[in-house]
């Protein structure tokens, strides 16, 4: 998928299935899980590029590690609200957010293989030390209605 095309955001609409692997470096703990979501264009004219994300997570609430990882992921998702975007190559984009007071940097590299398959690798660093690595695959299961 070419980022310069007018239909880049249109191609992101639809139902997606993801598989994530989260690796906590200091603890040497890995956790994997799946999630499904819909990405739909917001119908408000003034917010043309505003998208609504609906998560349907399969969670095990009795698993303390998973609960802790969910908290970390929610914090990362909040960080993503204000980030910088950099086009590295025509099919590779970098999202980054920095919290200067806490010396924390969240970076995500998304590679668009085609309109139905994307992969990403994310890093969470504090004081230039890696804390977490996240590998994610995105597979489109259906187009938007």
C-alpha atoms as a PDB file:
ATOM      1  CA  UNK A   1       0.000   0.000   0.000  1.00  0.00           C
ATOM      2  CA  UNK A   2       1.406   3.385  -0.936  1.00  0.00           C
ATOM      3  CA  UNK A   3       1.101   6.093   1.742  1.00  0.00           C
ATOM      4  CA  UNK A   4       0.889   8.768  -0.925  1.00  0.00           C
ATOM      5  CA  UNK A   5      -2.316   7.372  -2.395  1.00  0.00           C
ATOM      6  CA  UNK A   6      -5.601   9.131  -1.671  1.00  0.00           C
ATOM      7  CA  UNK A   7      -7.261   5.910  -0.580  1.00  0.00           C
ATOM      8  CA  UNK A   8      -4.713   4.987   2.120  1.00  0.00           C
ATOM      9  CA  UNK A   9      -7.187   5.556   4.955  1.00  0.00           C
ATOM     10  CA  UNK A  10      -9.981   3.923   2.962  1.00  0.00           C
ATOM     11  CA  UNK A  11      -7.933   0.700   2.760  1.00  0.00           C
ATOM     12  CA  UNK A  12      -7.644   0.599   6.564  1.00  0.00           C
ATOM     13  CA  UNK A  13     -11.412   0.408   7.022  1.00  0.00           C
ATOM     14  CA  UNK A  14     -12.875  -2.983   7.809  1.00  0.00           C
ATOM     15  CA  UNK A  15     -12.631  -5.855  10.260  1.00  0.00           C
ATOM     16  CA  UNK A  16      -9.181  -6.917  11.399  1.00  0.00           C
ATOM     17  CA  UNK A  17      -7.716  -9.801  13.367  1.00  0.00           C
ATOM     18  CA  UNK A  18      -4.406  -9.279  15.154  1.00  0.00           C
ATOM     19  CA  UNK A  19      -1.930 -11.458  16.959  1.00  0.00           C
ATOM     20  CA  UNK A  20       0.446  -9.776  19.402  1.00  0.00           C
ATOM     21  CA  UNK A  21       3.557 -10.957  21.165  1.00  0.00           C
ATOM     22  CA  UNK A  22       4.674  -8.766  24.044  1.00  0.00           C
ATOM     23  CA  UNK A  23       8.129  -9.295  25.510  1.00  0.00           C
ATOM     24  CA  UNK A  24       9.086  -7.654  28.817  1.00  0.00           C
ATOM     25  CA  UNK A  25      12.852  -7.436  28.596  1.00  0.00           C
ATOM     26  CA  UNK A  26      13.845  -7.068  32.267  1.00  0.00           C
ATOM     27  CA  UNK A  27      11.586  -9.905  33.400  1.00  0.00           C
ATOM     28  CA  UNK A  28      12.182 -12.040  30.295  1.00  0.00           C
ATOM     29  CA  UNK A  29       8.457 -12.691  30.086  1.00  0.00           C
ATOM     30  CA  UNK A  30       6.586 -13.177  26.828  1.00  0.00           C
ATOM     31  CA  UNK A  31       2.838 -13.041  26.410  1.00  0.00           C
ATOM     32  CA  UNK A  32       0.816 -13.551  23.234  1.00  0.00           C
ATOM     33  CA  UNK A  33      -2.828 -12.911  22.538  1.00  0.00           C
ATOM     34  CA  UNK A  34      -5.318 -12.254  19.763  1.00  0.00           C
ATOM     35  CA  UNK A  35      -7.813  -9.469  19.303  1.00  0.00           C
ATOM     36  CA  UNK A  36     -10.373  -8.432  16.722  1.00  0.00           C
ATOM     37  CA  UNK A  37     -11.518  -4.907  15.903  1.00  0.00           C
ATOM     38  CA  UNK A  38     -13.378  -2.819  13.351  1.00  0.00           C
ATOM     39  CA  UNK A  39     -11.950   0.365  11.925  1.00  0.00           C
ATOM     40  CA  UNK A  40     -14.617   2.682  10.542  1.00  0.00           C
ATOM     41  CA  UNK A  41     -14.491   6.169   9.118  1.00  0.00           C
ATOM     42  CA  UNK A  42     -16.208   8.723  11.323  1.00  0.00           C
ATOM     43  CA  UNK A  43     -19.132  10.304   9.468  1.00  0.00           C
ATOM     44  CA  UNK A  44     -18.524  13.814  10.829  1.00  0.00           C
ATOM     45  CA  UNK A  45     -17.281  16.014   7.974  1.00  0.00           C
ATOM     46  CA  UNK A  46     -14.900  18.093  10.088  1.00  0.00           C
ATOM     47  CA  UNK A  47     -13.147  14.957  11.375  1.00  0.00           C
ATOM     48  CA  UNK A  48     -12.561  13.210   8.045  1.00  0.00           C
ATOM     49  CA  UNK A  49      -9.462  11.392   9.281  1.00  0.00           C
ATOM     50  CA  UNK A  50     -10.906  10.540  12.668  1.00  0.00           C
ATOM     51  CA  UNK A  51     -11.454   6.818  13.018  1.00  0.00           C
ATOM     52  CA  UNK A  52     -13.338   4.846  15.601  1.00  0.00           C
ATOM     53  CA  UNK A  53     -11.708   1.711  16.943  1.00  0.00           C
ATOM     54  CA  UNK A  54     -13.793  -1.018  18.565  1.00  0.00           C
ATOM     55  CA  UNK A  55     -11.891  -3.657  20.458  1.00  0.00           C
ATOM     56  CA  UNK A  56     -13.216  -7.118  21.195  1.00  0.00           C
ATOM     57  CA  UNK A  57     -10.520  -8.685  23.326  1.00  0.00           C
ATOM     58  CA  UNK A  58     -10.387 -12.236  24.498  1.00  0.00           C
ATOM     59  CA  UNK A  59      -9.183 -11.755  28.067  1.00  0.00           C
ATOM     60  CA  UNK A  60      -8.572 -14.020  30.991  1.00  0.00           C
ATOM     61  CA  UNK A  61      -9.279 -11.884  34.033  1.00  0.00           C
ATOM     62  CA  UNK A  62      -7.876 -14.431  36.470  1.00  0.00           C
ATOM     63  CA  UNK A  63      -4.397 -14.230  34.948  1.00  0.00           C
ATOM     64  CA  UNK A  64      -2.438 -11.561  36.877  1.00  0.00           C
ATOM     65  CA  UNK A  65       0.314 -11.254  34.265  1.00  0.00           C
ATOM     66  CA  UNK A  66      -2.256 -10.677  31.543  1.00  0.00           C
ATOM     67  CA  UNK A  67      -3.964  -8.087  33.733  1.00  0.00           C
ATOM     68  CA  UNK A  68      -0.652  -6.256  34.221  1.00  0.00           C
ATOM     69  CA  UNK A  69       0.086  -6.391  30.487  1.00  0.00           C
ATOM     70  CA  UNK A  70      -3.399  -5.014  29.794  1.00  0.00           C
ATOM     71  CA  UNK A  71      -2.676  -2.064  32.076  1.00  0.00           C
ATOM     72  CA  UNK A  72       0.620  -1.428  30.260  1.00  0.00           C
ATOM     73  CA  UNK A  73      -1.109  -1.680  26.882  1.00  0.00           C
ATOM     74  CA  UNK A  74      -3.816   0.783  27.983  1.00  0.00           C
ATOM     75  CA  UNK A  75      -1.099   3.235  29.013  1.00  0.00           C
ATOM     76  CA  UNK A  76       0.589   2.804  25.632  1.00  0.00           C
ATOM     77  CA  UNK A  77      -2.728   3.381  23.850  1.00  0.00           C
ATOM     78  CA  UNK A  78      -3.180   6.619  25.795  1.00  0.00           C
ATOM     79  CA  UNK A  79       0.328   7.675  24.763  1.00  0.00           C
ATOM     80  CA  UNK A  80      -0.523   7.125  21.098  1.00  0.00           C
ATOM     81  CA  UNK A  81      -2.999  10.009  21.184  1.00  0.00           C
ATOM     82  CA  UNK A  82      -0.261  12.615  20.651  1.00  0.00           C
ATOM     83  CA  UNK A  83       2.521  11.204  18.528  1.00  0.00           C
ATOM     84  CA  UNK A  84       4.729  12.160  15.640  1.00  0.00           C
ATOM     85  CA  UNK A  85       4.412  10.369  12.312  1.00  0.00           C
ATOM     86  CA  UNK A  86       7.338   9.862   9.958  1.00  0.00           C
ATOM     87  CA  UNK A  87       7.287   8.187   6.558  1.00  0.00           C
ATOM     88  CA  UNK A  88      10.451   6.050   6.367  1.00  0.00           C
ATOM     89  CA  UNK A  89       9.735   4.356   3.027  1.00  0.00           C
ATOM     90  CA  UNK A  90       6.636   4.216   0.857  1.00  0.00           C
ATOM     91  CA  UNK A  91       5.349   1.190   2.827  1.00  0.00           C
ATOM     92  CA  UNK A  92       6.923   1.880   6.232  1.00  0.00           C
ATOM     93  CA  UNK A  93       5.723   4.465   8.706  1.00  0.00           C
ATOM     94  CA  UNK A  94       6.961   5.321  12.201  1.00  0.00           C
ATOM     95  CA  UNK A  95       4.770   6.572  15.050  1.00  0.00           C
ATOM     96  CA  UNK A  96       6.518   7.988  18.090  1.00  0.00           C
ATOM     97  CA  UNK A  97       5.532   9.585  21.369  1.00  0.00           C
ATOM     98  CA  UNK A  98       7.871  11.048  23.985  1.00  0.00           C
ATOM     99  CA  UNK A  99       7.156  11.805  27.621  1.00  0.00           C
ATOM    100  CA  UNK A 100       9.999  14.136  28.502  1.00  0.00           C
ATOM    101  CA  UNK A 101       9.340  14.271  32.251  1.00  0.00           C
ATOM    102  CA  UNK A 102       9.613  10.507  32.559  1.00  0.00           C
ATOM    103  CA  UNK A 103      12.157   9.999  29.744  1.00  0.00           C
ATOM    104  CA  UNK A 104       9.835   7.462  28.114  1.00  0.00           C
ATOM    105  CA  UNK A 105       9.655   6.888  24.355  1.00  0.00           C
ATOM    106  CA  UNK A 106       7.098   4.704  22.584  1.00  0.00           C
ATOM    107  CA  UNK A 107       7.986   3.915  18.946  1.00  0.00           C
ATOM    108  CA  UNK A 108       5.985   1.816  16.512  1.00  0.00           C
ATOM    109  CA  UNK A 109       7.028   0.863  12.991  1.00  0.00           C
ATOM    110  CA  UNK A 110       4.191  -0.336  10.747  1.00  0.00           C
ATOM    111  CA  UNK A 111       4.975  -2.094   7.474  1.00  0.00           C
ATOM    112  CA  UNK A 112       2.128  -2.273   4.961  1.00  0.00           C
ATOM    113  CA  UNK A 113       2.561  -5.436   2.937  1.00  0.00           C
ATOM    114  CA  UNK A 114      -0.769  -5.047   1.113  1.00  0.00           C
ATOM    115  CA  UNK A 115      -4.302  -3.843   1.863  1.00  0.00           C
ATOM    116  CA  UNK A 116      -5.067  -7.070   3.758  1.00  0.00           C
ATOM    117  CA  UNK A 117      -1.827  -7.632   5.695  1.00  0.00           C
ATOM    118  CA  UNK A 118       0.243  -5.317   7.910  1.00  0.00           C
ATOM    119  CA  UNK A 119       2.893  -6.017  10.526  1.00  0.00           C
ATOM    120  CA  UNK A 120       4.358  -3.819  13.230  1.00  0.00           C
ATOM    121  CA  UNK A 121       7.125  -3.789  15.783  1.00  0.00           C
ATOM    122  CA  UNK A 122       6.934  -1.481  18.794  1.00  0.00           C
ATOM    123  CA  UNK A 123       9.420  -0.478  21.453  1.00  0.00           C
ATOM    124  CA  UNK A 124       9.003   1.124  24.849  1.00  0.00           C
ATOM    125  CA  UNK A 125      12.157   2.774  26.205  1.00  0.00           C
ATOM    126  CA  UNK A 126      12.980   4.691  29.355  1.00  0.00           C
ATOM    127  CA  UNK A 127      16.277   6.570  29.605  1.00  0.00           C
ATOM    128  CA  UNK A 128      17.388   4.893  26.351  1.00  0.00           C
ATOM    129  CA  UNK A 129      16.905   1.437  27.873  1.00  0.00           C
ATOM    130  CA  UNK A 130      14.463  -0.941  26.184  1.00  0.00           C
ATOM    131  CA  UNK A 131      11.659  -2.081  28.495  1.00  0.00           C
ATOM    132  CA  UNK A 132       9.322  -3.848  26.100  1.00  0.00           C
ATOM    133  CA  UNK A 133       9.088  -5.093  22.509  1.00  0.00           C
ATOM    134  CA  UNK A 134       5.752  -5.813  20.814  1.00  0.00           C
ATOM    135  CA  UNK A 135       5.336  -7.723  17.546  1.00  0.00           C
ATOM    136  CA  UNK A 136       1.911  -7.483  15.878  1.00  0.00           C
ATOM    137  CA  UNK A 137       0.378  -8.899  12.711  1.00  0.00           C
ATOM    138  CA  UNK A 138      -2.808  -7.383  11.269  1.00  0.00           C
ATOM    139  CA  UNK A 139      -4.936  -9.487   8.921  1.00  0.00           C
ATOM    140  CA  UNK A 140      -8.052  -7.966   7.338  1.00  0.00           C
ATOM    141  CA  UNK A 141     -11.003 -10.330   7.669  1.00  0.00           C
ATOM    142  CA  UNK A 142     -13.578  -8.205   5.794  1.00  0.00           C
ATOM    143  CA  UNK A 143     -13.988  -4.774   4.233  1.00  0.00           C
ATOM    144  CA  UNK A 144     -16.088  -1.985   5.752  1.00  0.00           C
ATOM    145  CA  UNK A 145     -19.759  -1.962   4.872  1.00  0.00           C
END
